[in-house]
């Protein structure tokens, strides 16, 4: 029993059997991963971002490698919420772990409509709200760019859903702790951070940007120090749980995020390099917790803050 409870953690009202999650956008809807390893190594499945209507995504090149990272400009390609419910939820409902649905909108009305629709769907355990989306009614600035718009997006989702609400924070801001506090005040049950950093690449032979959308989101080991710093800052600013992510590619990385204050961590880009890295990180993290002599991995949360 002690071994079973060692890796359990909680995010708001969600009880997780492991602190490891998939990072949205990197695992599709988990069916591919399910053929590679036992999904029970996960605490929850966080699916690829869903929008109200289907999206084809960006044109041109959408992925480019960079030193210690990956720049993506996918453009939120997805089948839309109705096809997701009919096409993907039957498989996801069969799993024994929580399903967290990442949602994206270009207006507050879209966020509200998505939250209301998914609130009715059996098998959806929580929502992760992507506030890095452009607010088309406010000149295209991302909802997560300032406290007011982040709070507004959180408020409208909270008004339309009773599900646990995780707000995914953008790192492309001046004060991520202030934004975390603003979404906490509007009813967020947890925050996840960080989303990708803005980056780009130029083809020196063509003398043009590589990505069709010019700029994209940088992920992978290159951003880990930034992500870890932001988790550290947010842990000191809010009382709600944190899902840490950004460049985690080993159990040591995962342990760092937990020691900085994360209740759970999400693995993304590293799965492209090693598709079975999640069970490997799970084993290493479990051994680490055992060596620390703790009864539950949550006892390690935030320990690096102790003087």
Protein backbone atom coordinates (compact mmCIF):
# COMPACT_ATOMS: atom_id res chain seq x y z
CA UNK A 1 0.00 0.00 0.00
CA UNK A 2 2.82 2.42 0.87
CA UNK A 3 4.41 1.78 -2.53
CA UNK A 4 1.11 2.51 -4.28
CA UNK A 5 0.54 5.78 -2.42
CA UNK A 6 4.13 7.00 -2.78
CA UNK A 7 3.57 8.61 -6.19
CA UNK A 8 0.02 9.85 -5.65
CA UNK A 9 -0.67 13.58 -5.76
CA UNK A 10 -3.57 15.98 -6.13
CA UNK A 11 -4.41 18.89 -8.42
CA UNK A 12 -7.40 20.63 -6.91
CA UNK A 13 -10.05 17.88 -6.56
CA UNK A 14 -8.26 15.52 -8.97
CA UNK A 15 -6.52 12.56 -7.36
CA UNK A 16 -3.62 11.39 -9.52
CA UNK A 17 -1.79 8.09 -9.19
CA UNK A 18 1.38 9.70 -10.54
CA UNK A 19 2.68 13.28 -10.75
CA UNK A 20 3.48 12.82 -14.46
CA UNK A 21 1.18 14.25 -17.13
CA UNK A 22 1.43 14.57 -20.89
CA UNK A 23 1.97 18.12 -22.10
CA UNK A 24 -0.84 19.27 -24.36
CA UNK A 25 0.00 19.22 -28.04
CA UNK A 26 2.71 16.56 -27.74
CA UNK A 27 0.69 13.37 -27.27
CA UNK A 28 -2.24 13.83 -29.64
CA UNK A 29 -5.15 12.12 -27.90
CA UNK A 30 -2.92 9.42 -26.35
CA UNK A 31 -3.86 6.46 -28.55
CA UNK A 32 -0.34 6.35 -30.05
CA UNK A 33 1.28 6.41 -26.59
CA UNK A 34 -1.08 3.66 -25.46
CA UNK A 35 0.59 1.33 -27.98
CA UNK A 36 4.05 2.10 -26.56
CA UNK A 37 3.62 1.95 -22.79
CA UNK A 38 1.06 1.45 -20.06
CA UNK A 39 -0.83 4.72 -19.72
CA UNK A 40 -1.17 3.98 -16.01
CA UNK A 41 2.33 5.42 -15.62
CA UNK A 42 0.55 8.76 -16.10
CA UNK A 43 -1.34 10.74 -13.52
CA UNK A 44 -3.55 12.21 -16.25
CA UNK A 45 -3.79 12.57 -20.01
CA UNK A 46 -3.75 16.19 -21.19
CA UNK A 47 -4.99 16.13 -24.76
CA UNK A 48 -4.03 18.29 -27.72
CA UNK A 49 -5.71 21.72 -27.68
CA UNK A 50 -9.35 21.85 -28.77
CA UNK A 51 -11.14 24.79 -30.36
CA UNK A 52 -14.84 25.38 -30.98
CA UNK A 53 -14.60 24.84 -34.75
CA UNK A 54 -12.12 22.62 -36.64
CA UNK A 55 -8.77 24.22 -37.48
CA UNK A 56 -6.41 23.21 -40.26
CA UNK A 57 -3.42 24.86 -38.64
CA UNK A 58 -0.69 27.02 -40.16
CA UNK A 59 0.58 26.72 -43.71
CA UNK A 60 4.17 26.00 -44.68
CA UNK A 61 6.88 24.52 -42.45
CA UNK A 62 5.54 24.04 -38.95
CA UNK A 63 8.44 22.44 -37.06
CA UNK A 64 12.14 23.26 -36.90
CA UNK A 65 14.81 21.93 -34.58
CA UNK A 66 17.03 24.30 -32.65
CA UNK A 67 19.94 23.65 -30.29
CA UNK A 68 18.46 21.75 -27.32
CA UNK A 69 14.93 22.46 -28.45
CA UNK A 70 12.13 22.50 -30.98
CA UNK A 71 10.24 25.45 -32.47
CA UNK A 72 6.67 24.70 -33.49
CA UNK A 73 4.09 26.70 -35.32
CA UNK A 74 1.30 24.15 -35.68
CA UNK A 75 -1.50 26.65 -35.39
CA UNK A 76 -3.75 24.59 -33.10
CA UNK A 77 -4.72 22.07 -35.79
CA UNK A 78 -7.58 20.00 -34.35
CA UNK A 79 -10.92 18.49 -35.38
CA UNK A 80 -13.07 20.89 -33.32
CA UNK A 81 -14.92 20.12 -30.12
CA UNK A 82 -17.78 18.09 -31.60
CA UNK A 83 -15.54 15.71 -33.57
CA UNK A 84 -13.26 15.43 -30.53
CA UNK A 85 -16.21 14.37 -28.38
CA UNK A 86 -17.47 11.80 -30.90
CA UNK A 87 -14.11 10.61 -32.24
CA UNK A 88 -11.67 10.71 -29.34
CA UNK A 89 -13.63 10.60 -26.09
CA UNK A 90 -14.81 6.96 -26.50
CA UNK A 91 -11.17 5.78 -26.26
CA UNK A 92 -10.28 8.26 -23.54
CA UNK A 93 -13.27 7.21 -21.42
CA UNK A 94 -11.91 3.64 -21.38
CA UNK A 95 -8.74 4.73 -19.60
CA UNK A 96 -8.45 4.47 -15.83
CA UNK A 97 -6.84 7.89 -15.41
CA UNK A 98 -8.24 11.43 -15.54
CA UNK A 99 -8.60 13.20 -18.90
CA UNK A 100 -7.78 16.91 -18.96
CA UNK A 101 -8.95 18.79 -22.05
CA UNK A 102 -6.92 21.79 -23.17
CA UNK A 103 -9.14 24.51 -24.67
CA UNK A 104 -8.29 27.54 -26.81
CA UNK A 105 -10.37 30.47 -28.00
CA UNK A 106 -9.96 33.73 -29.88
CA UNK A 107 -12.79 35.44 -27.98
CA UNK A 108 -14.23 35.21 -24.49
CA UNK A 109 -17.43 33.85 -26.04
CA UNK A 110 -15.51 30.93 -27.56
CA UNK A 111 -13.93 30.08 -24.22
CA UNK A 112 -17.34 30.17 -22.58
CA UNK A 113 -18.96 27.99 -25.24
CA UNK A 114 -16.16 25.39 -25.04
CA UNK A 115 -16.35 25.27 -21.26
CA UNK A 116 -20.11 24.84 -21.30
CA UNK A 117 -20.04 22.11 -23.96
CA UNK A 118 -17.29 20.07 -22.28
CA UNK A 119 -18.96 20.44 -18.89
CA UNK A 120 -21.65 18.09 -20.21
CA UNK A 121 -19.29 15.39 -21.53
CA UNK A 122 -18.78 12.20 -19.55
CA UNK A 123 -15.13 11.35 -18.99
CA UNK A 124 -13.77 14.89 -19.03
CA UNK A 125 -12.08 15.31 -15.66
CA UNK A 126 -10.79 18.90 -15.89
CA UNK A 127 -10.09 21.77 -18.27
CA UNK A 128 -6.72 23.31 -19.04
CA UNK A 129 -7.24 26.80 -20.43
CA UNK A 130 -4.66 27.98 -22.95
CA UNK A 131 -4.50 31.77 -22.50
CA UNK A 132 -1.64 32.19 -24.98
CA UNK A 133 -4.24 32.58 -27.73
CA UNK A 134 -4.71 35.93 -29.52
CA UNK A 135 -7.68 37.99 -28.37
CA UNK A 136 -9.07 39.00 -31.75
CA UNK A 137 -11.36 41.63 -30.22
CA UNK A 138 -8.42 43.34 -28.53
CA UNK A 139 -5.99 43.70 -31.42
CA UNK A 140 -4.57 40.18 -31.29
CA UNK A 141 -2.71 40.44 -27.98
CA UNK A 142 -2.65 37.11 -26.13
CA UNK A 143 -5.17 36.66 -23.32
CA UNK A 144 -2.28 35.72 -21.05
CA UNK A 145 -0.30 38.88 -21.74
CA UNK A 146 -1.68 40.86 -18.82
CA UNK A 147 -3.59 40.36 -15.60
CA UNK A 148 -6.87 41.84 -16.83
CA UNK A 149 -7.31 39.69 -19.92
CA UNK A 150 -6.04 36.55 -18.16
CA UNK A 151 -8.54 37.15 -15.38
CA UNK A 152 -11.35 37.73 -17.89
CA UNK A 153 -10.69 34.43 -19.70
CA UNK A 154 -10.54 32.57 -16.40
CA UNK A 155 -13.75 34.20 -15.18
CA UNK A 156 -15.79 33.25 -18.25
CA UNK A 157 -14.64 29.62 -18.14
CA UNK A 158 -15.39 29.44 -14.43
CA UNK A 159 -18.89 30.81 -15.07
CA UNK A 160 -19.60 28.10 -17.66
CA UNK A 161 -18.05 25.04 -16.04
CA UNK A 162 -18.02 23.21 -12.73
CA UNK A 163 -14.98 21.13 -13.75
CA UNK A 164 -11.60 21.66 -12.08
CA UNK A 165 -9.96 24.56 -13.89
CA UNK A 166 -6.25 24.70 -14.70
CA UNK A 167 -5.01 27.88 -16.39
CA UNK A 168 -1.92 27.48 -18.58
CA UNK A 169 0.31 30.53 -18.27
CA UNK A 170 2.40 32.13 -20.99
CA UNK A 171 6.06 32.87 -20.23
CA UNK A 172 6.06 35.77 -22.71
CA UNK A 173 5.18 38.27 -19.97
CA UNK A 174 6.96 40.59 -17.57
CA UNK A 175 5.46 39.29 -14.30
CA UNK A 176 4.12 35.73 -14.40
CA UNK A 177 3.50 35.69 -10.64
CA UNK A 178 1.08 38.61 -10.91
CA UNK A 179 -0.83 36.88 -13.71
CA UNK A 180 -0.98 33.67 -11.66
CA UNK A 181 -2.49 35.64 -8.77
CA UNK A 182 -5.05 37.24 -11.08
CA UNK A 183 -6.34 33.88 -12.38
CA UNK A 184 -6.36 32.42 -8.86
CA UNK A 185 -8.60 35.31 -7.79
CA UNK A 186 -11.06 34.49 -10.59
CA UNK A 187 -11.52 30.85 -9.62
CA UNK A 188 -8.64 28.91 -11.17
CA UNK A 189 -8.13 25.68 -9.22
CA UNK A 190 -4.54 25.29 -10.47
CA UNK A 191 -2.06 26.79 -12.92
CA UNK A 192 0.23 25.07 -15.40
CA UNK A 193 3.46 26.65 -16.59
CA UNK A 194 5.15 27.33 -18.78
CA UNK A 195 3.77 27.41 -22.29
CA UNK A 196 6.35 27.84 -25.05
CA UNK A 197 8.65 30.83 -25.48
CA UNK A 198 8.46 32.79 -28.73
CA UNK A 199 11.28 32.02 -31.15
CA UNK A 200 12.17 31.80 -34.81
CA UNK A 201 14.73 30.43 -37.27
CA UNK A 202 16.09 31.75 -40.57
CA UNK A 203 17.26 29.64 -43.52
CA UNK A 204 20.61 31.20 -44.45
CA UNK A 205 20.53 29.76 -47.97
CA UNK A 206 17.02 30.97 -48.80
CA UNK A 207 17.53 34.04 -46.60
CA UNK A 208 13.99 33.71 -45.33
CA UNK A 209 12.31 32.57 -42.09
CA UNK A 210 12.00 28.78 -41.91
CA UNK A 211 8.52 28.66 -40.38
CA UNK A 212 5.54 29.53 -42.53
CA UNK A 213 4.19 31.63 -39.66
CA UNK A 214 7.66 33.21 -39.11
CA UNK A 215 7.54 32.81 -35.32
CA UNK A 216 6.74 29.74 -33.23
CA UNK A 217 6.92 28.32 -29.76
CA UNK A 218 10.27 27.14 -28.41
CA UNK A 219 10.16 24.05 -26.19
CA UNK A 220 12.65 21.45 -25.00
CA UNK A 221 15.67 21.44 -22.66
CA UNK A 222 16.72 24.94 -23.73
CA UNK A 223 13.79 26.49 -21.85
CA UNK A 224 14.04 24.45 -18.64
CA UNK A 225 15.93 27.05 -16.56
CA UNK A 226 13.34 29.69 -17.46
CA UNK A 227 10.44 27.36 -16.68
CA UNK A 228 11.96 26.31 -13.37
CA UNK A 229 12.49 29.93 -12.35
CA UNK A 230 8.89 30.79 -13.14
CA UNK A 231 7.53 27.81 -11.18
CA UNK A 232 9.67 28.98 -8.24
CA UNK A 233 8.21 32.48 -8.47
CA UNK A 234 4.60 31.38 -8.86
CA UNK A 235 4.84 28.94 -5.93
CA UNK A 236 5.60 31.86 -3.66
CA UNK A 237 2.72 33.93 -5.08
CA UNK A 238 -0.30 31.58 -5.07
CA UNK A 239 -1.92 28.93 -2.87
CA UNK A 240 -3.32 26.78 -5.69
CA UNK A 241 -1.37 23.79 -7.11
CA UNK A 242 1.12 24.14 -9.95
CA UNK A 243 1.71 21.80 -12.88
CA UNK A 244 5.30 22.47 -13.95
CA UNK A 245 6.56 21.94 -17.48
CA UNK A 246 9.22 23.14 -19.87
CA UNK A 247 12.19 21.05 -20.98
CA UNK A 248 11.73 18.14 -18.59
CA UNK A 249 13.69 15.21 -20.03
CA UNK A 250 14.85 13.20 -16.99
CA UNK A 251 13.68 12.22 -13.51
CA UNK A 252 16.17 14.74 -12.14
CA UNK A 253 14.44 17.52 -14.09
CA UNK A 254 11.07 16.39 -12.76
CA UNK A 255 12.42 16.33 -9.21
CA UNK A 256 13.73 19.89 -9.61
CA UNK A 257 10.29 21.15 -10.58
CA UNK A 258 8.68 19.41 -7.61
CA UNK A 259 11.30 20.81 -5.23
CA UNK A 260 10.60 24.26 -6.73
CA UNK A 261 6.91 23.89 -5.90
CA UNK A 262 5.14 21.85 -8.59
CA UNK A 263 2.47 19.35 -7.49
CA UNK A 264 2.76 17.58 -10.85
CA UNK A 265 4.86 17.89 -13.99
CA UNK A 266 4.12 17.50 -17.70
CA UNK A 267 6.42 15.86 -20.25
CA UNK A 268 6.29 17.09 -23.84
CA UNK A 269 9.12 17.55 -26.32
CA UNK A 270 11.26 14.84 -24.70
CA UNK A 271 8.68 12.26 -25.83
CA UNK A 272 9.55 13.03 -29.45
CA UNK A 273 13.16 12.05 -28.77
CA UNK A 274 12.30 9.04 -26.61
CA UNK A 275 8.66 7.89 -26.87
CA UNK A 276 8.92 5.79 -23.69
CA UNK A 277 10.54 8.48 -21.57
CA UNK A 278 7.48 8.90 -19.34
CA UNK A 279 7.69 5.42 -17.75
CA UNK A 280 11.47 5.90 -17.47
CA UNK A 281 11.00 9.20 -15.60
CA UNK A 282 8.32 7.56 -13.43
CA UNK A 283 10.73 4.80 -12.35
CA UNK A 284 13.56 7.22 -11.62
CA UNK A 285 11.35 9.62 -9.69
CA UNK A 286 9.88 6.79 -7.63
CA UNK A 287 13.36 5.54 -6.69
CA UNK A 288 14.35 9.08 -5.74
CA UNK A 289 11.30 9.46 -3.49
CA UNK A 290 12.05 6.10 -1.85
CA UNK A 291 15.64 7.15 -1.17
CA UNK A 292 14.40 10.37 0.42
CA UNK A 293 12.38 8.28 2.87
CA UNK A 294 9.10 10.09 2.27
CA UNK A 295 5.68 8.43 2.53
CA UNK A 296 4.33 10.49 -0.38
CA UNK A 297 6.04 12.48 -3.11
CA UNK A 298 3.99 15.54 -2.14
CA UNK A 299 6.27 15.85 0.90
CA UNK A 300 9.02 16.98 -1.48
CA UNK A 301 6.96 19.81 -2.96
CA UNK A 302 8.62 23.19 -2.46
CA UNK A 303 11.41 21.87 -0.23
CA UNK A 304 13.98 23.95 -2.12
CA UNK A 305 12.35 27.07 -0.64
CA UNK A 306 13.29 26.08 2.90
CA UNK A 307 16.18 28.09 4.29
